Amino acid sequence: MRNYEELSDCIMDSLRNFEQMLHGKTAAIADIWNTDKDRFRPKNENEFSDRVKRFLEDELRGKGIIANREVEIRGSPGGARTDIEVRAWTNNKEGNIDNLTMIIETKG
């Protein structure tokens, strides 16, 4: 990754792959739904976020990108946490390493 645009493109490509997996030939859509006696309801937000994070880990492995869950935001009131935090590192023009961070907010 050289910049935020490349990181964003990579994440969006991965999320499109996640969507394809959910609706593909061997659809995994049931992975994000609870079933209880013919009643379907979506998994809660934490379960869904965990599923997306695991997919991103597999999808981004070997690209120098990591995904984390429930990362505490420093200095935020009440110890706010991100749903999914994605990080990559790049060398800048001065030869130093820059940390690229993007947050994914999930809704259940």
N, C-alpha and C. Protein backbone atom coordinates (compact mmCIF):
# COMPACT_ATOMS: atom_id res chain seq x y z
N MET A 1 0.83 -1.17 0.00
CA MET A 1 0.00 0.00 0.00
C MET A 1 0.88 1.24 0.00
N ARG A 2 0.53 2.15 -0.87
CA ARG A 2 1.28 3.40 -0.90
C ARG A 2 0.52 4.55 -0.27
N ASN A 3 -0.82 4.45 -0.23
CA ASN A 3 -1.62 5.57 0.28
C ASN A 3 -3.02 5.09 0.67
N TYR A 4 -3.80 6.03 1.22
CA TYR A 4 -5.15 5.69 1.67
C TYR A 4 -6.05 5.24 0.52
N GLU A 5 -5.86 5.83 -0.65
CA GLU A 5 -6.69 5.46 -1.80
C GLU A 5 -6.49 3.98 -2.16
N GLU A 6 -5.24 3.54 -2.18
CA GLU A 6 -4.96 2.13 -2.47
C GLU A 6 -5.53 1.22 -1.38
N LEU A 7 -5.39 1.63 -0.12
CA LEU A 7 -5.94 0.84 0.97
C LEU A 7 -7.46 0.77 0.86
N SER A 8 -8.10 1.89 0.59
CA SER A 8 -9.54 1.93 0.44
C SER A 8 -10.00 1.03 -0.71
N ASP A 9 -9.31 1.11 -1.84
CA ASP A 9 -9.65 0.27 -3.00
C ASP A 9 -9.53 -1.21 -2.64
N CYS A 10 -8.48 -1.56 -1.93
CA CYS A 10 -8.25 -2.95 -1.53
C CYS A 10 -9.36 -3.44 -0.60
N ILE A 11 -9.73 -2.62 0.37
CA ILE A 11 -10.80 -2.98 1.31
C ILE A 11 -12.13 -3.12 0.58
N MET A 12 -12.43 -2.18 -0.31
CA MET A 12 -13.69 -2.24 -1.05
C MET A 12 -13.74 -3.48 -1.94
N ASP A 13 -12.63 -3.82 -2.58
CA ASP A 13 -12.58 -5.06 -3.38
C ASP A 13 -12.87 -6.27 -2.50
N SER A 14 -12.29 -6.29 -1.31
CA SER A 14 -12.50 -7.41 -0.39
C SER A 14 -13.95 -7.48 0.07
N LEU A 15 -14.56 -6.33 0.36
CA LEU A 15 -15.95 -6.33 0.79
C LEU A 15 -16.89 -6.76 -0.34
N ARG A 16 -16.54 -6.43 -1.59
CA ARG A 16 -17.32 -6.92 -2.73
C ARG A 16 -17.18 -8.45 -2.83
N ASN A 17 -15.99 -8.96 -2.56
CA ASN A 17 -15.79 -10.42 -2.55
C ASN A 17 -16.60 -11.07 -1.43
N PHE A 18 -16.70 -10.40 -0.29
CA PHE A 18 -17.52 -10.89 0.82
C PHE A 18 -18.98 -10.98 0.38
N GLU A 19 -19.45 -9.94 -0.29
CA GLU A 19 -20.82 -9.93 -0.79
C GLU A 19 -21.05 -11.06 -1.78
N GLN A 20 -20.10 -11.28 -2.67
CA GLN A 20 -20.21 -12.37 -3.65
C GLN A 20 -20.24 -13.73 -2.96
N MET A 21 -19.44 -13.88 -1.90
CA MET A 21 -19.43 -15.13 -1.15
C MET A 21 -20.80 -15.37 -0.51
N LEU A 22 -21.41 -14.31 0.02
CA LEU A 22 -22.71 -14.45 0.66
C LEU A 22 -23.79 -14.91 -0.31
N HIS A 23 -23.70 -14.43 -1.57
CA HIS A 23 -24.75 -14.70 -2.54
C HIS A 23 -24.31 -15.62 -3.67
N GLY A 24 -23.12 -16.17 -3.59
CA GLY A 24 -22.56 -16.97 -4.68
C GLY A 24 -23.18 -18.33 -4.85
N LYS A 25 -22.50 -19.13 -5.65
CA LYS A 25 -22.98 -20.47 -6.01
C LYS A 25 -23.28 -21.33 -4.78
N THR A 26 -22.35 -21.35 -3.84
CA THR A 26 -22.59 -22.03 -2.56
C THR A 26 -22.77 -20.91 -1.54
N ALA A 27 -23.94 -20.30 -1.57
CA ALA A 27 -24.21 -19.08 -0.79
C ALA A 27 -23.95 -19.27 0.69
N ALA A 28 -23.29 -18.27 1.28
CA ALA A 28 -22.98 -18.29 2.70
C ALA A 28 -23.87 -17.31 3.47
N ILE A 29 -24.95 -16.88 2.85
CA ILE A 29 -25.83 -15.89 3.48
C ILE A 29 -26.36 -16.38 4.83
N ALA A 30 -26.53 -17.68 4.97
CA ALA A 30 -27.01 -18.23 6.25
C ALA A 30 -26.04 -17.95 7.39
N ASP A 31 -24.77 -17.69 7.06
CA ASP A 31 -23.77 -17.39 8.09
C ASP A 31 -24.08 -16.13 8.87
N ILE A 32 -24.88 -15.25 8.31
CA ILE A 32 -25.14 -13.97 8.99
C ILE A 32 -26.60 -13.87 9.48
N TRP A 33 -27.30 -15.03 9.49
CA TRP A 33 -28.68 -15.06 9.97
C TRP A 33 -28.83 -16.12 11.05
N ASN A 34 -29.66 -15.83 12.03
CA ASN A 34 -30.06 -16.81 13.04
C ASN A 34 -31.39 -17.41 12.60
N THR A 35 -31.54 -18.68 12.82
CA THR A 35 -32.83 -19.33 12.54
C THR A 35 -33.34 -19.96 13.81
N ASP A 36 -34.59 -19.74 14.07
CA ASP A 36 -35.22 -20.28 15.26
C ASP A 36 -36.66 -20.65 14.90
N LYS A 37 -36.88 -21.94 14.64
CA LYS A 37 -38.23 -22.43 14.31
C LYS A 37 -38.87 -21.62 13.19
N ASP A 38 -38.27 -21.64 12.03
CA ASP A 38 -38.79 -20.95 10.84
C ASP A 38 -38.82 -19.44 10.97
N ARG A 39 -38.11 -18.92 11.93
CA ARG A 39 -38.03 -17.46 12.10
C ARG A 39 -36.59 -17.05 11.83
N PHE A 40 -36.42 -16.14 10.89
CA PHE A 40 -35.08 -15.67 10.54
C PHE A 40 -34.88 -14.27 11.10
N ARG A 41 -33.71 -14.07 11.68
CA ARG A 41 -33.34 -12.73 12.15
C ARG A 41 -31.83 -12.58 11.99
N PRO A 42 -31.38 -11.37 11.70
CA PRO A 42 -29.95 -11.19 11.48
C PRO A 42 -29.14 -11.42 12.74
N LYS A 43 -27.89 -11.86 12.55
CA LYS A 43 -26.96 -11.96 13.68
C LYS A 43 -26.82 -10.57 14.30
N ASN A 44 -26.43 -10.53 15.56
CA ASN A 44 -26.23 -9.22 16.17
C ASN A 44 -24.96 -8.58 15.59
N GLU A 45 -24.81 -7.31 15.87
CA GLU A 45 -23.72 -6.53 15.27
C GLU A 45 -22.34 -7.10 15.57
N ASN A 46 -22.12 -7.57 16.79
CA ASN A 46 -20.81 -8.13 17.14
C ASN A 46 -20.52 -9.41 16.36
N GLU A 47 -21.51 -10.28 16.24
CA GLU A 47 -21.32 -11.51 15.48
C GLU A 47 -21.05 -11.21 14.00
N PHE A 48 -21.78 -10.26 13.46
CA PHE A 48 -21.58 -9.87 12.06
C PHE A 48 -20.19 -9.26 11.87
N SER A 49 -19.79 -8.37 12.78
CA SER A 49 -18.46 -7.75 12.70
C SER A 49 -17.36 -8.80 12.78
N ASP A 50 -17.52 -9.78 13.67
CA ASP A 50 -16.54 -10.86 13.77
C ASP A 50 -16.42 -11.61 12.45
N ARG A 51 -17.56 -11.88 11.81
CA ARG A 51 -17.56 -12.62 10.53
C ARG A 51 -16.85 -11.83 9.44
N VAL A 52 -17.13 -10.53 9.37
CA VAL A 52 -16.48 -9.67 8.36
C VAL A 52 -14.99 -9.60 8.64
N LYS A 53 -14.61 -9.45 9.90
CA LYS A 53 -13.19 -9.37 10.26
C LYS A 53 -12.45 -10.64 9.87
N ARG A 54 -13.04 -11.81 10.15
CA ARG A 54 -12.40 -13.07 9.78
C ARG A 54 -12.24 -13.17 8.26
N PHE A 55 -13.25 -12.74 7.52
CA PHE A 55 -13.15 -12.76 6.06
C PHE A 55 -12.01 -11.85 5.60
N LEU A 56 -11.95 -10.64 6.14
CA LEU A 56 -10.90 -9.70 5.75
C LEU A 56 -9.51 -10.26 6.07
N GLU A 57 -9.37 -10.90 7.23
CA GLU A 57 -8.09 -11.52 7.57
C GLU A 57 -7.66 -12.50 6.50
N ASP A 58 -8.56 -13.37 6.09
CA ASP A 58 -8.25 -14.36 5.06
C ASP A 58 -7.97 -13.69 3.71
N GLU A 59 -8.79 -12.74 3.38
CA GLU A 59 -8.71 -12.06 2.08
C GLU A 59 -7.43 -11.23 1.94
N LEU A 60 -7.00 -10.60 3.03
CA LEU A 60 -5.88 -9.65 2.98
C LEU A 60 -4.55 -10.26 3.42
N ARG A 61 -4.59 -11.53 3.80
CA ARG A 61 -3.36 -12.20 4.26
C ARG A 61 -2.28 -12.09 3.18
N GLY A 62 -1.09 -11.75 3.58
CA GLY A 62 0.03 -11.66 2.66
C GLY A 62 0.14 -10.32 1.96
N LYS A 63 -0.76 -9.38 2.27
CA LYS A 63 -0.72 -8.05 1.63
C LYS A 63 -0.19 -6.98 2.58
N GLY A 64 0.25 -7.40 3.76
CA GLY A 64 0.77 -6.43 4.73
C GLY A 64 -0.33 -5.58 5.35
N ILE A 65 -1.53 -6.14 5.40
CA ILE A 65 -2.68 -5.43 5.96
C ILE A 65 -3.26 -6.31 7.07
N ILE A 66 -3.63 -5.68 8.19
CA ILE A 66 -4.25 -6.44 9.27
C ILE A 66 -5.61 -5.84 9.62
N ALA A 67 -6.48 -6.68 10.13
CA ALA A 67 -7.80 -6.23 10.59
C ALA A 67 -7.91 -6.56 12.07
N ASN A 68 -8.43 -5.61 12.83
CA ASN A 68 -8.61 -5.78 14.27
C ASN A 68 -10.06 -5.49 14.63
N ARG A 69 -10.50 -6.06 15.76
CA ARG A 69 -11.87 -5.84 16.24
C ARG A 69 -11.85 -5.12 17.57
N GLU A 70 -12.85 -4.25 17.76
CA GLU A 70 -13.09 -3.59 19.03
C GLU A 70 -11.86 -2.86 19.57
N VAL A 71 -11.21 -2.10 18.71
CA VAL A 71 -10.03 -1.33 19.12
C VAL A 71 -10.49 -0.07 19.84
N GLU A 72 -9.96 0.15 21.03
CA GLU A 72 -10.35 1.32 21.81
C GLU A 72 -9.73 2.58 21.21
N ILE A 73 -10.55 3.60 21.08
CA ILE A 73 -10.09 4.88 20.55
C ILE A 73 -9.57 5.70 21.72
N ARG A 74 -8.29 6.01 21.69
CA ARG A 74 -7.67 6.75 22.80
C ARG A 74 -8.30 8.12 22.96
N GLY A 75 -8.51 8.49 24.21
CA GLY A 75 -9.02 9.81 24.53
C GLY A 75 -10.50 10.00 24.24
N SER A 76 -11.17 8.96 23.82
CA SER A 76 -12.60 9.11 23.54
C SER A 76 -13.40 8.92 24.82
N PRO A 77 -14.46 9.69 24.97
CA PRO A 77 -15.27 9.54 26.18
C PRO A 77 -15.94 8.17 26.25
N GLY A 78 -15.91 7.57 27.41
CA GLY A 78 -16.56 6.28 27.60
C GLY A 78 -15.83 5.11 26.97
N GLY A 79 -14.58 5.30 26.53
CA GLY A 79 -13.81 4.20 25.95
C GLY A 79 -14.42 3.68 24.66
N ALA A 80 -14.83 4.57 23.77
CA ALA A 80 -15.44 4.16 22.50
C ALA A 80 -14.51 3.21 21.75
N ARG A 81 -15.12 2.30 20.99
CA ARG A 81 -14.37 1.29 20.25
C ARG A 81 -14.82 1.27 18.80
N THR A 82 -13.89 0.90 17.94
CA THR A 82 -14.23 0.74 16.53
C THR A 82 -14.80 -0.66 16.32
N ASP A 83 -15.63 -0.82 15.30
CA ASP A 83 -16.12 -2.17 14.97
C ASP A 83 -14.98 -2.97 14.35
N ILE A 84 -14.43 -2.46 13.26
CA ILE A 84 -13.29 -3.11 12.60
C ILE A 84 -12.29 -2.02 12.22
N GLU A 85 -11.05 -2.23 12.57
CA GLU A 85 -9.98 -1.30 12.21
C GLU A 85 -9.01 -2.04 11.29
N VAL A 86 -8.73 -1.45 10.15
CA VAL A 86 -7.82 -2.05 9.18
C VAL A 86 -6.58 -1.18 9.12
N ARG A 87 -5.40 -1.82 9.19
CA ARG A 87 -4.13 -1.08 9.18
C ARG A 87 -3.18 -1.64 8.14
N ALA A 88 -2.43 -0.71 7.56
CA ALA A 88 -1.35 -1.07 6.63
C ALA A 88 -0.22 -0.08 6.88
N TRP A 89 0.97 -0.44 6.45
CA TRP A 89 2.13 0.41 6.63
C TRP A 89 2.78 0.66 5.28
N THR A 90 3.35 1.85 5.15
CA THR A 90 4.00 2.21 3.90
C THR A 90 5.22 3.07 4.20
N ASN A 91 6.17 3.08 3.30
CA ASN A 91 7.32 3.97 3.42
C ASN A 91 6.98 5.29 2.76
N ASN A 92 7.23 6.40 3.48
CA ASN A 92 6.97 7.71 2.90
C ASN A 92 8.20 8.22 2.16
N LYS A 93 8.11 9.41 1.60
CA LYS A 93 9.19 9.98 0.78
C LYS A 93 10.48 10.19 1.58
N GLU A 94 10.32 10.41 2.88
CA GLU A 94 11.49 10.64 3.74
C GLU A 94 12.12 9.33 4.20
N GLY A 95 11.56 8.22 3.81
CA GLY A 95 12.10 6.92 4.21
C GLY A 95 11.56 6.42 5.54
N ASN A 96 10.61 7.15 6.12
CA ASN A 96 9.99 6.71 7.37
C ASN A 96 8.76 5.85 7.06
N ILE A 97 8.32 5.12 8.06
CA ILE A 97 7.15 4.27 7.89
C ILE A 97 5.91 5.02 8.36
N ASP A 98 4.90 5.06 7.49
CA ASP A 98 3.61 5.66 7.83
C ASP A 98 2.61 4.56 8.09
N ASN A 99 1.74 4.81 9.05
CA ASN A 99 0.66 3.90 9.41
C ASN A 99 -0.62 4.38 8.73
N LEU A 100 -1.21 3.54 7.90
CA LEU A 100 -2.48 3.87 7.27
C LEU A 100 -3.57 3.11 8.03
N THR A 101 -4.58 3.82 8.51
CA THR A 101 -5.65 3.21 9.29
C THR A 101 -6.99 3.59 8.71
N MET A 102 -7.86 2.60 8.54
CA MET A 102 -9.23 2.85 8.10
C MET A 102 -10.16 2.10 9.05
N ILE A 103 -11.32 2.70 9.30
CA ILE A 103 -12.30 2.14 10.21
C ILE A 103 -13.51 1.67 9.40
N ILE A 104 -14.00 0.47 9.73
CA ILE A 104 -15.23 -0.05 9.14
C ILE A 104 -16.26 -0.10 10.25
N GLU A 105 -17.35 0.59 10.06
CA GLU A 105 -18.45 0.59 11.02
C GLU A 105 -19.52 -0.36 10.51
N THR A 106 -19.89 -1.33 11.30
CA THR A 106 -20.92 -2.29 10.88
C THR A 106 -22.22 -1.98 11.60
N LYS A 107 -23.30 -2.36 10.99
CA LYS A 107 -24.62 -2.20 11.59
C LYS A 107 -25.37 -3.51 11.48
N GLY A 108 -25.99 -3.92 12.55
CA GLY A 108 -26.73 -5.17 12.57
C GLY A 108 -28.22 -4.91 12.57
